[in-house]
PDB file of all heavy atoms in Angstrom:
ATOM      1  N   ALA A   1      -8.809  -1.645 -16.611  1.00  0.00           N
ATOM      2  CA  ALA A   1      -9.978  -2.437 -16.226  1.00  0.00           C
ATOM      3  C   ALA A   1     -10.577  -1.937 -14.921  1.00  0.00           C
ATOM      4  O   ALA A   1     -11.801  -1.834 -14.783  1.00  0.00           O
ATOM      5  CB  ALA A   1      -9.587  -3.911 -16.099  1.00  0.00           C
ATOM      6  N   LEU A   2      -9.734  -1.591 -13.966  1.00  0.00           N
ATOM      7  CA  LEU A   2     -10.238  -1.116 -12.677  1.00  0.00           C
ATOM      8  C   LEU A   2     -10.916   0.239 -12.834  1.00  0.00           C
ATOM      9  O   LEU A   2     -11.966   0.491 -12.232  1.00  0.00           O
ATOM     10  CB  LEU A   2      -9.083  -1.025 -11.675  1.00  0.00           C
ATOM     11  CG  LEU A   2      -9.483  -0.884 -10.210  1.00  0.00           C
ATOM     12  CD1 LEU A   2     -10.290  -2.080  -9.750  1.00  0.00           C
ATOM     13  CD2 LEU A   2      -8.254  -0.703  -9.334  1.00  0.00           C
ATOM     14  N   ARG A   3     -10.327   1.102 -13.656  1.00  0.00           N
ATOM     15  CA  ARG A   3     -10.949   2.409 -13.888  1.00  0.00           C
ATOM     16  C   ARG A   3     -12.317   2.241 -14.549  1.00  0.00           C
ATOM     17  O   ARG A   3     -13.282   2.950 -14.209  1.00  0.00           O
ATOM     18  CB  ARG A   3     -10.043   3.270 -14.760  1.00  0.00           C
ATOM     19  CG  ARG A   3     -10.542   4.704 -14.950  1.00  0.00           C
ATOM     20  CD  ARG A   3      -9.472   5.538 -15.663  1.00  0.00           C
ATOM     21  NE  ARG A   3      -9.884   6.921 -15.767  1.00  0.00           N
ATOM     22  CZ  ARG A   3     -10.525   7.434 -16.806  1.00  0.00           C
ATOM     23  NH1 ARG A   3     -10.830   6.665 -17.839  1.00  0.00           N
ATOM     24  NH2 ARG A   3     -10.840   8.710 -16.838  1.00  0.00           N
ATOM     25  N   ALA A   4     -12.448   1.281 -15.466  1.00  0.00           N
ATOM     26  CA  ALA A   4     -13.736   1.033 -16.113  1.00  0.00           C
ATOM     27  C   ALA A   4     -14.756   0.480 -15.123  1.00  0.00           C
ATOM     28  O   ALA A   4     -15.949   0.788 -15.206  1.00  0.00           O
ATOM     29  CB  ALA A   4     -13.553   0.055 -17.273  1.00  0.00           C
ATOM     30  N   ASP A   5     -14.290  -0.308 -14.162  1.00  0.00           N
ATOM     31  CA  ASP A   5     -15.200  -0.967 -13.226  1.00  0.00           C
ATOM     32  C   ASP A   5     -15.631  -0.073 -12.074  1.00  0.00           C
ATOM     33  O   ASP A   5     -16.796  -0.093 -11.663  1.00  0.00           O
ATOM     34  CB  ASP A   5     -14.557  -2.235 -12.674  1.00  0.00           C
ATOM     35  CG  ASP A   5     -14.473  -3.342 -13.713  1.00  0.00           C
ATOM     36  OD1 ASP A   5     -14.926  -3.121 -14.854  1.00  0.00           O
ATOM     37  OD2 ASP A   5     -13.949  -4.422 -13.390  1.00  0.00           O
ATOM     38  N   ILE A   6     -14.686   0.692 -11.517  1.00  0.00           N
ATOM     39  CA  ILE A   6     -15.014   1.484 -10.321  1.00  0.00           C
ATOM     40  C   ILE A   6     -14.844   2.980 -10.525  1.00  0.00           C
ATOM     41  O   ILE A   6     -15.091   3.761  -9.608  1.00  0.00           O
ATOM     42  CB  ILE A   6     -14.179   1.031  -9.104  1.00  0.00           C
ATOM     43  CG1 ILE A   6     -12.695   1.401  -9.282  1.00  0.00           C
ATOM     44  CG2 ILE A   6     -14.330  -0.463  -8.853  1.00  0.00           C
ATOM     45  CD1 ILE A   6     -11.861   1.182  -8.028  1.00  0.00           C
ATOM     46  N   GLY A   7     -14.409   3.378 -11.726  1.00  0.00           N
ATOM     47  CA  GLY A   7     -14.286   4.798 -12.014  1.00  0.00           C
ATOM     48  C   GLY A   7     -12.987   5.427 -11.591  1.00  0.00           C
ATOM     49  O   GLY A   7     -12.819   6.643 -11.706  1.00  0.00           O
ATOM     50  N   GLN A   8     -12.033   4.615 -11.139  1.00  0.00           N
ATOM     51  CA  GLN A   8     -10.767   5.169 -10.660  1.00  0.00           C
ATOM     52  C   GLN A   8      -9.665   4.145 -10.840  1.00  0.00           C
ATOM     53  O   GLN A   8      -9.827   2.963 -10.523  1.00  0.00           O
ATOM     54  CB  GLN A   8     -10.883   5.545  -9.178  1.00  0.00           C
ATOM     55  CG  GLN A   8      -9.660   6.235  -8.608  1.00  0.00           C
ATOM     56  CD  GLN A   8      -9.889   6.666  -7.166  1.00  0.00           C
ATOM     57  OE1 GLN A   8     -10.955   6.487  -6.603  1.00  0.00           O
ATOM     58  NE2 GLN A   8      -8.866   7.254  -6.563  1.00  0.00           N
ATOM     59  N   ALA A   9      -8.528   4.605 -11.359  1.00  0.00           N
ATOM     60  CA  ALA A   9      -7.369   3.722 -11.494  1.00  0.00           C
ATOM     61  C   ALA A   9      -6.703   3.540 -10.133  1.00  0.00           C
ATOM     62  O   ALA A   9      -6.834   4.395  -9.252  1.00  0.00           O
ATOM     63  CB  ALA A   9      -6.367   4.315 -12.490  1.00  0.00           C
ATOM     64  N   PRO A  10      -5.982   2.445  -9.937  1.00  0.00           N
ATOM     65  CA  PRO A  10      -5.273   2.265  -8.675  1.00  0.00           C
ATOM     66  C   PRO A  10      -4.069   3.197  -8.578  1.00  0.00           C
ATOM     67  O   PRO A  10      -3.634   3.774  -9.584  1.00  0.00           O
ATOM     68  CB  PRO A  10      -4.819   0.806  -8.736  1.00  0.00           C
ATOM     69  CG  PRO A  10      -4.641   0.554 -10.206  1.00  0.00           C
ATOM     70  CD  PRO A  10      -5.730   1.336 -10.874  1.00  0.00           C
ATOM     71  N   LEU A  11      -3.538   3.349  -7.377  1.00  0.00           N
ATOM     72  CA  LEU A  11      -2.251   4.006  -7.217  1.00  0.00           C
ATOM     73  C   LEU A  11      -1.187   3.089  -7.823  1.00  0.00           C
ATOM     74  O   LEU A  11      -1.173   1.880  -7.556  1.00  0.00           O
ATOM     75  CB  LEU A  11      -1.932   4.240  -5.738  1.00  0.00           C
ATOM     76  CG  LEU A  11      -2.877   5.147  -4.948  1.00  0.00           C
ATOM     77  CD1 LEU A  11      -2.424   5.223  -3.493  1.00  0.00           C
ATOM     78  CD2 LEU A  11      -2.941   6.540  -5.550  1.00  0.00           C
ATOM     79  N   LEU A  12      -0.309   3.647  -8.636  1.00  0.00           N
ATOM     80  CA  LEU A  12       0.732   2.868  -9.292  1.00  0.00           C
ATOM     81  C   LEU A  12       2.098   3.292  -8.764  1.00  0.00           C
ATOM     82  O   LEU A  12       2.427   4.483  -8.791  1.00  0.00           O
ATOM     83  CB  LEU A  12       0.673   3.063 -10.805  1.00  0.00           C
ATOM     84  CG  LEU A  12      -0.640   2.665 -11.480  1.00  0.00           C
ATOM     85  CD1 LEU A  12      -0.582   2.949 -12.973  1.00  0.00           C
ATOM     86  CD2 LEU A  12      -0.949   1.191 -11.242  1.00  0.00           C
ATOM     87  N   LEU A  13       2.870   2.344  -8.302  1.00  0.00           N
ATOM     88  CA  LEU A  13       4.209   2.590  -7.775  1.00  0.00           C
ATOM     89  C   LEU A  13       5.196   1.946  -8.740  1.00  0.00           C
ATOM     90  O   LEU A  13       5.287   0.719  -8.819  1.00  0.00           O
ATOM     91  CB  LEU A  13       4.354   2.007  -6.371  1.00  0.00           C
ATOM     92  CG  LEU A  13       3.239   2.364  -5.376  1.00  0.00           C
ATOM     93  CD1 LEU A  13       3.485   1.680  -4.040  1.00  0.00           C
ATOM     94  CD2 LEU A  13       3.118   3.868  -5.207  1.00  0.00           C
ATOM     95  N   LEU A  14       5.919   2.768  -9.478  1.00  0.00           N
ATOM     96  CA  LEU A  14       6.784   2.290 -10.551  1.00  0.00           C
ATOM     97  C   LEU A  14       8.226   2.678 -10.241  1.00  0.00           C
ATOM     98  O   LEU A  14       8.682   3.768 -10.565  1.00  0.00           O
ATOM     99  CB  LEU A  14       6.334   2.884 -11.893  1.00  0.00           C
ATOM    100  CG  LEU A  14       4.841   2.690 -12.221  1.00  0.00           C
ATOM    101  CD1 LEU A  14       4.487   3.397 -13.523  1.00  0.00           C
ATOM    102  CD2 LEU A  14       4.484   1.213 -12.291  1.00  0.00           C
ATOM    103  N   ASP A  15       8.930   1.769  -9.587  1.00  0.00           N
ATOM    104  CA  ASP A  15      10.290   2.036  -9.119  1.00  0.00           C
ATOM    105  C   ASP A  15      11.279   1.800 -10.255  1.00  0.00           C
ATOM    106  O   ASP A  15      11.308   0.710 -10.836  1.00  0.00           O
ATOM    107  CB  ASP A  15      10.600   1.114  -7.937  1.00  0.00           C
ATOM    108  CG  ASP A  15      11.843   1.538  -7.177  1.00  0.00           C
ATOM    109  OD1 ASP A  15      12.203   2.731  -7.231  1.00  0.00           O
ATOM    110  OD2 ASP A  15      12.452   0.674  -6.519  1.00  0.00           O
ATOM    111  N   GLU A  16      12.073   2.828 -10.558  1.00  0.00           N
ATOM    112  CA  GLU A  16      13.057   2.749 -11.647  1.00  0.00           C
ATOM    113  C   GLU A  16      12.391   2.241 -12.927  1.00  0.00           C
ATOM    114  O   GLU A  16      12.929   1.392 -13.641  1.00  0.00           O
ATOM    115  CB  GLU A  16      14.223   1.842 -11.249  1.00  0.00           C
ATOM    116  CG  GLU A  16      14.977   2.288 -10.016  1.00  0.00           C
ATOM    117  CD  GLU A  16      15.749   3.598 -10.206  1.00  0.00           C
ATOM    118  OE1 GLU A  16      15.933   4.025 -11.375  1.00  0.00           O
ATOM    119  OE2 GLU A  16      16.176   4.184  -9.202  1.00  0.00           O
ATOM    120  N   VAL A  17      11.233   2.783 -13.226  1.00  0.00           N
ATOM    121  CA  VAL A  17      10.439   2.265 -14.335  1.00  0.00           C
ATOM    122  C   VAL A  17      11.132   2.457 -15.678  1.00  0.00           C
ATOM    123  O   VAL A  17      10.861   1.718 -16.629  1.00  0.00           O
ATOM    124  CB  VAL A  17       9.051   2.942 -14.346  1.00  0.00           C
ATOM    125  CG1 VAL A  17       9.158   4.418 -14.713  1.00  0.00           C
ATOM    126  CG2 VAL A  17       8.099   2.221 -15.278  1.00  0.00           C
ATOM    127  N   ALA A  18      12.039   3.422 -15.779  1.00  0.00           N
ATOM    128  CA  ALA A  18      12.692   3.678 -17.060  1.00  0.00           C
ATOM    129  C   ALA A  18      13.693   2.597 -17.440  1.00  0.00           C
ATOM    130  O   ALA A  18      14.114   2.515 -18.598  1.00  0.00           O
ATOM    131  CB  ALA A  18      13.392   5.034 -17.022  1.00  0.00           C
ATOM    132  N   ALA A  19      14.083   1.771 -16.479  1.00  0.00           N
ATOM    133  CA  ALA A  19      15.055   0.721 -16.772  1.00  0.00           C
ATOM    134  C   ALA A  19      14.490  -0.215 -17.839  1.00  0.00           C
ATOM    135  O   ALA A  19      13.357  -0.683 -17.743  1.00  0.00           O
ATOM    136  CB  ALA A  19      15.386  -0.060 -15.507  1.00  0.00           C
ATOM    137  N   HIS A  20      15.286  -0.488 -18.865  1.00  0.00           N
ATOM    138  CA  HIS A  20      14.940  -1.385 -19.968  1.00  0.00           C
ATOM    139  C   HIS A  20      13.863  -0.821 -20.892  1.00  0.00           C
ATOM    140  O   HIS A  20      13.370  -1.544 -21.763  1.00  0.00           O
ATOM    141  CB  HIS A  20      14.506  -2.767 -19.465  1.00  0.00           C
ATOM    142  CG  HIS A  20      15.466  -3.417 -18.533  1.00  0.00           C
ATOM    143  ND1 HIS A  20      16.785  -3.638 -18.859  1.00  0.00           N
ATOM    144  CD2 HIS A  20      15.308  -3.884 -17.264  1.00  0.00           C
ATOM    145  CE1 HIS A  20      17.391  -4.213 -17.841  1.00  0.00           C
ATOM    146  NE2 HIS A  20      16.523  -4.367 -16.860  1.00  0.00           N
ATOM    147  N   LEU A  21      13.460   0.447 -20.706  1.00  0.00           N
ATOM    148  CA  LEU A  21      12.524   1.076 -21.633  1.00  0.00           C
ATOM    149  C   LEU A  21      13.271   2.169 -22.399  1.00  0.00           C
ATOM    150  O   LEU A  21      13.901   3.038 -21.800  1.00  0.00           O
ATOM    151  CB  LEU A  21      11.337   1.697 -20.889  1.00  0.00           C
ATOM    152  CG  LEU A  21      10.389   0.760 -20.143  1.00  0.00           C
ATOM    153  CD1 LEU A  21       9.266   1.564 -19.495  1.00  0.00           C
ATOM    154  CD2 LEU A  21       9.820  -0.303 -21.071  1.00  0.00           C
ATOM    155  N   ASP A  22      13.159   2.140 -23.735  1.00  0.00           N
ATOM    156  CA  ASP A  22      13.805   3.194 -24.515  1.00  0.00           C
ATOM    157  C   ASP A  22      12.966   4.469 -24.438  1.00  0.00           C
ATOM    158  O   ASP A  22      11.872   4.490 -23.851  1.00  0.00           O
ATOM    159  CB  ASP A  22      14.022   2.748 -25.960  1.00  0.00           C
ATOM    160  CG  ASP A  22      12.729   2.361 -26.670  1.00  0.00           C
ATOM    161  OD1 ASP A  22      11.649   2.889 -26.309  1.00  0.00           O
ATOM    162  OD2 ASP A  22      12.800   1.529 -27.597  1.00  0.00           O
ATOM    163  N   ALA A  23      13.465   5.540 -25.012  1.00  0.00           N
ATOM    164  CA  ALA A  23      12.800   6.837 -24.901  1.00  0.00           C
ATOM    165  C   ALA A  23      11.381   6.790 -25.464  1.00  0.00           C
ATOM    166  O   ALA A  23      10.456   7.404 -24.908  1.00  0.00           O
ATOM    167  CB  ALA A  23      13.621   7.906 -25.623  1.00  0.00           C
ATOM    168  N   GLY A  24      11.191   6.063 -26.568  1.00  0.00           N
ATOM    169  CA  GLY A  24       9.862   5.976 -27.168  1.00  0.00           C
ATOM    170  C   GLY A  24       8.866   5.290 -26.266  1.00  0.00           C
ATOM    171  O   GLY A  24       7.728   5.751 -26.111  1.00  0.00           O
ATOM    172  N   ARG A  25       9.287   4.198 -25.640  1.00  0.00           N
ATOM    173  CA  ARG A  25       8.367   3.485 -24.744  1.00  0.00           C
ATOM    174  C   ARG A  25       8.155   4.255 -23.445  1.00  0.00           C
ATOM    175  O   ARG A  25       7.075   4.175 -22.858  1.00  0.00           O
ATOM    176  CB  ARG A  25       8.894   2.077 -24.458  1.00  0.00           C
ATOM    177  CG  ARG A  25       8.444   1.077 -25.532  1.00  0.00           C
ATOM    178  CD  ARG A  25       8.462  -0.332 -25.032  1.00  0.00           C
ATOM    179  NE  ARG A  25       7.766  -1.220 -25.952  1.00  0.00           N
ATOM    180  CZ  ARG A  25       8.167  -2.454 -26.231  1.00  0.00           C
ATOM    181  NH1 ARG A  25       9.250  -2.934 -25.668  1.00  0.00           N
ATOM    182  NH2 ARG A  25       7.450  -3.209 -27.049  1.00  0.00           N
ATOM    183  N   ARG A  26       9.166   4.976 -22.989  1.00  0.00           N
ATOM    184  CA  ARG A  26       8.948   5.809 -21.792  1.00  0.00           C
ATOM    185  C   ARG A  26       7.868   6.846 -22.082  1.00  0.00           C
ATOM    186  O   ARG A  26       6.950   7.052 -21.287  1.00  0.00           O
ATOM    187  CB  ARG A  26      10.244   6.509 -21.381  1.00  0.00           C
ATOM    188  CG  ARG A  26      11.254   5.619 -20.700  1.00  0.00           C
ATOM    189  CD  ARG A  26      12.236   6.413 -19.868  1.00  0.00           C
ATOM    190  NE  ARG A  26      12.949   7.432 -20.621  1.00  0.00           N
ATOM    191  CZ  ARG A  26      14.093   7.236 -21.251  1.00  0.00           C
ATOM    192  NH1 ARG A  26      14.648   6.024 -21.249  1.00  0.00           N
ATOM    193  NH2 ARG A  26      14.689   8.217 -21.891  1.00  0.00           N
ATOM    194  N   ALA A  27       7.979   7.509 -23.236  1.00  0.00           N
ATOM    195  CA  ALA A  27       6.985   8.519 -23.598  1.00  0.00           C
ATOM    196  C   ALA A  27       5.597   7.896 -23.726  1.00  0.00           C
ATOM    197  O   ALA A  27       4.595   8.475 -23.288  1.00  0.00           O
ATOM    198  CB  ALA A  27       7.390   9.210 -24.897  1.00  0.00           C
ATOM    199  N   ALA A  28       5.534   6.686 -24.322  1.00  0.00           N
ATOM    200  CA  ALA A  28       4.241   6.008 -24.471  1.00  0.00           C
ATOM    201  C   ALA A  28       3.649   5.654 -23.114  1.00  0.00           C
ATOM    202  O   ALA A  28       2.437   5.780 -22.902  1.00  0.00           O
ATOM    203  CB  ALA A  28       4.419   4.746 -25.311  1.00  0.00           C
ATOM    204  N   LEU A  29       4.496   5.220 -22.187  1.00  0.00           N
ATOM    205  CA  LEU A  29       4.026   4.905 -20.835  1.00  0.00           C
ATOM    206  C   LEU A  29       3.429   6.132 -20.175  1.00  0.00           C
ATOM    207  O   LEU A  29       2.328   6.079 -19.609  1.00  0.00           O
ATOM    208  CB  LEU A  29       5.184   4.369 -19.990  1.00  0.00           C
ATOM    209  CG  LEU A  29       4.906   4.207 -18.491  1.00  0.00           C
ATOM    210  CD1 LEU A  29       3.780   3.214 -18.250  1.00  0.00           C
ATOM    211  CD2 LEU A  29       6.174   3.775 -17.753  1.00  0.00           C
ATOM    212  N   TYR A  30       4.137   7.260 -20.263  1.00  0.00           N
ATOM    213  CA  TYR A  30       3.649   8.487 -19.621  1.00  0.00           C
ATOM    214  C   TYR A  30       2.327   8.936 -20.250  1.00  0.00           C
ATOM    215  O   TYR A  30       1.420   9.390 -19.539  1.00  0.00           O
ATOM    216  CB  TYR A  30       4.696   9.593 -19.721  1.00  0.00           C
ATOM    217  CG  TYR A  30       6.039   9.229 -19.120  1.00  0.00           C
ATOM    218  CD1 TYR A  30       7.219   9.821 -19.590  1.00  0.00           C
ATOM    219  CD2 TYR A  30       6.144   8.292 -18.092  1.00  0.00           C
ATOM    220  CE1 TYR A  30       8.453   9.501 -19.046  1.00  0.00           C
ATOM    221  CE2 TYR A  30       7.386   7.966 -17.550  1.00  0.00           C
ATOM    222  CZ  TYR A  30       8.538   8.567 -18.039  1.00  0.00           C
ATOM    223  OH  TYR A  30       9.758   8.242 -17.504  1.00  0.00           O
ATOM    224  N   ASP A  31       2.226   8.786 -21.571  1.00  0.00           N
ATOM    225  CA  ASP A  31       0.978   9.165 -22.241  1.00  0.00           C
ATOM    226  C   ASP A  31      -0.186   8.308 -21.737  1.00  0.00           C
ATOM    227  O   ASP A  31      -1.288   8.813 -21.504  1.00  0.00           O
ATOM    228  CB  ASP A  31       1.119   9.005 -23.755  1.00  0.00           C
ATOM    229  CG  ASP A  31       1.994  10.084 -24.379  1.00  0.00           C
ATOM    230  OD1 ASP A  31       2.261  11.104 -23.719  1.00  0.00           O
ATOM    231  OD2 ASP A  31       2.413   9.888 -25.540  1.00  0.00           O
ATOM    232  N   GLU A  32       0.054   7.011 -21.583  1.00  0.00           N
ATOM    233  CA  GLU A  32      -1.024   6.125 -21.137  1.00  0.00           C
ATOM    234  C   GLU A  32      -1.410   6.410 -19.690  1.00  0.00           C
ATOM    235  O   GLU A  32      -2.595   6.375 -19.325  1.00  0.00           O
ATOM    236  CB  GLU A  32      -0.619   4.663 -21.324  1.00  0.00           C
ATOM    237  CG  GLU A  32      -0.508   4.254 -22.785  1.00  0.00           C
ATOM    238  CD  GLU A  32      -0.633   2.756 -22.997  1.00  0.00           C
ATOM    239  OE1 GLU A  32      -1.380   2.100 -22.244  1.00  0.00           O
ATOM    240  OE2 GLU A  32       0.012   2.246 -23.933  1.00  0.00           O
ATOM    241  N   LEU A  33      -0.434   6.695 -18.852  1.00  0.00           N
ATOM    242  CA  LEU A  33      -0.737   7.017 -17.459  1.00  0.00           C
ATOM    243  C   LEU A  33      -1.592   8.277 -17.369  1.00  0.00           C
ATOM    244  O   LEU A  33      -2.552   8.334 -16.593  1.00  0.00           O
ATOM    245  CB  LEU A  33       0.561   7.211 -16.666  1.00  0.00           C
ATOM    246  CG  LEU A  33       1.420   5.960 -16.443  1.00  0.00           C
ATOM    247  CD1 LEU A  33       2.742   6.342 -15.790  1.00  0.00           C
ATOM    248  CD2 LEU A  33       0.683   4.926 -15.601  1.00  0.00           C
ATOM    249  N   CYS A  34      -1.254   9.263 -18.155  1.00  0.00           N
ATOM    250  CA  CYS A  34      -2.022  10.510 -18.136  1.00  0.00           C
ATOM    251  C   CYS A  34      -3.421  10.301 -18.717  1.00  0.00           C
ATOM    252  O   CYS A  34      -4.395  10.876 -18.221  1.00  0.00           O
ATOM    253  CB  CYS A  34      -1.270  11.601 -18.890  1.00  0.00           C
ATOM    254  SG  CYS A  34       0.261  12.130 -18.074  1.00  0.00           S
ATOM    255  N   ALA A  35      -3.532   9.489 -19.766  1.00  0.00           N
ATOM    256  CA  ALA A  35      -4.845   9.215 -20.349  1.00  0.00           C
ATOM    257  C   ALA A  35      -5.750   8.506 -19.352  1.00  0.00           C
ATOM    258  O   ALA A  35      -6.972   8.688 -19.363  1.00  0.00           O
ATOM    259  CB  ALA A  35      -4.686   8.380 -21.619  1.00  0.00           C
ATOM    260  N   LEU A  36      -5.153   7.703 -18.469  1.00  0.00           N
ATOM    261  CA  LEU A  36      -5.900   6.994 -17.442  1.00  0.00           C
ATOM    262  C   LEU A  36      -6.237   7.868 -16.232  1.00  0.00           C
ATOM    263  O   LEU A  36      -7.001   7.443 -15.366  1.00  0.00           O
ATOM    264  CB  LEU A  36      -5.087   5.793 -16.937  1.00  0.00           C
ATOM    265  CG  LEU A  36      -5.106   4.529 -17.770  1.00  0.00           C
ATOM    266  CD1 LEU A  36      -4.000   3.578 -17.314  1.00  0.00           C
ATOM    267  CD2 LEU A  36      -6.460   3.849 -17.639  1.00  0.00           C
ATOM    268  N   SER A  37      -5.652   9.070 -16.197  1.00  0.00           N
ATOM    269  CA  SER A  37      -5.732   9.909 -14.994  1.00  0.00           C
ATOM    270  C   SER A  37      -5.239   9.130 -13.782  1.00  0.00           C
ATOM    271  O   SER A  37      -5.786   9.240 -12.673  1.00  0.00           O
ATOM    272  CB  SER A  37      -7.171  10.392 -14.755  1.00  0.00           C
ATOM    273  OG  SER A  37      -7.613  11.183 -15.828  1.00  0.00           O
ATOM    274  N   ALA A  38      -4.200   8.322 -13.997  1.00  0.00           N
ATOM    275  CA  ALA A  38      -3.657   7.489 -12.928  1.00  0.00           C
ATOM    276  C   ALA A  38      -2.658   8.292 -12.102  1.00  0.00           C
ATOM    277  O   ALA A  38      -1.814   9.011 -12.652  1.00  0.00           O
ATOM    278  CB  ALA A  38      -2.966   6.264 -13.506  1.00  0.00           C
ATOM    279  N   GLN A  39      -2.750   8.153 -10.786  1.00  0.00           N
ATOM    280  CA  GLN A  39      -1.763   8.761  -9.914  1.00  0.00           C
ATOM    281  C   GLN A  39      -0.621   7.759  -9.758  1.00  0.00           C
ATOM    282  O   GLN A  39      -0.690   6.810  -8.989  1.00  0.00           O
ATOM    283  CB  GLN A  39      -2.362   9.109  -8.550  1.00  0.00           C
ATOM    284  CG  GLN A  39      -1.480  10.053  -7.745  1.00  0.00           C
ATOM    285  CD  GLN A  39      -2.154  10.511  -6.466  1.00  0.00           C
ATOM    286  OE1 GLN A  39      -3.119   9.910  -5.998  1.00  0.00           O
ATOM    287  NE2 GLN A  39      -1.659  11.591  -5.882  1.00  0.00           N
ATOM    288  N   ALA A  40       0.408   7.984 -10.557  1.00  0.00           N
ATOM    289  CA  ALA A  40       1.551   7.083 -10.579  1.00  0.00           C
ATOM    290  C   ALA A  40       2.735   7.753  -9.906  1.00  0.00           C
ATOM    291  O   ALA A  40       3.012   8.937 -10.149  1.00  0.00           O
ATOM    292  CB  ALA A  40       1.904   6.713 -12.015  1.00  0.00           C
ATOM    293  N   PHE A  41       3.433   7.003  -9.081  1.00  0.00           N
ATOM    294  CA  PHE A  41       4.621   7.492  -8.395  1.00  0.00           C
ATOM    295  C   PHE A  41       5.809   6.752  -8.994  1.00  0.00           C
ATOM    296  O   PHE A  41       5.927   5.539  -8.863  1.00  0.00           O
ATOM    297  CB  PHE A  41       4.513   7.244  -6.895  1.00  0.00           C
ATOM    298  CG  PHE A  41       3.375   7.989  -6.245  1.00  0.00           C
ATOM    299  CD1 PHE A  41       2.082   7.494  -6.311  1.00  0.00           C
ATOM    300  CD2 PHE A  41       3.593   9.199  -5.598  1.00  0.00           C
ATOM    301  CE1 PHE A  41       1.023   8.182  -5.741  1.00  0.00           C
ATOM    302  CE2 PHE A  41       2.534   9.891  -5.027  1.00  0.00           C
ATOM    303  CZ  PHE A  41       1.256   9.384  -5.091  1.00  0.00           C
ATOM    304  N   MET A  42       6.687   7.511  -9.670  1.00  0.00           N
ATOM    305  CA  MET A  42       7.785   6.927 -10.420  1.00  0.00           C
ATOM    306  C   MET A  42       9.120   7.434  -9.907  1.00  0.00           C
ATOM    307  O   MET A  42       9.238   8.604  -9.536  1.00  0.00           O
ATOM    308  CB  MET A  42       7.643   7.262 -11.905  1.00  0.00           C
ATOM    309  CG  MET A  42       6.361   6.731 -12.524  1.00  0.00           C
ATOM    310  SD  MET A  42       6.048   7.371 -14.191  1.00  0.00           S
ATOM    311  CE  MET A  42       5.457   9.024 -13.792  1.00  0.00           C
TER     312      MET A  42
END
């Protein structure tokens, strides 16, 4: 929503983001972050 409104995604800080996510959801998360051109720190 923020990228649609201002043209840029926020900085995302995802600490131990893999916890409770299986391999499929981890891959899906990374795909979505890249599609957003989001600068995520994991």
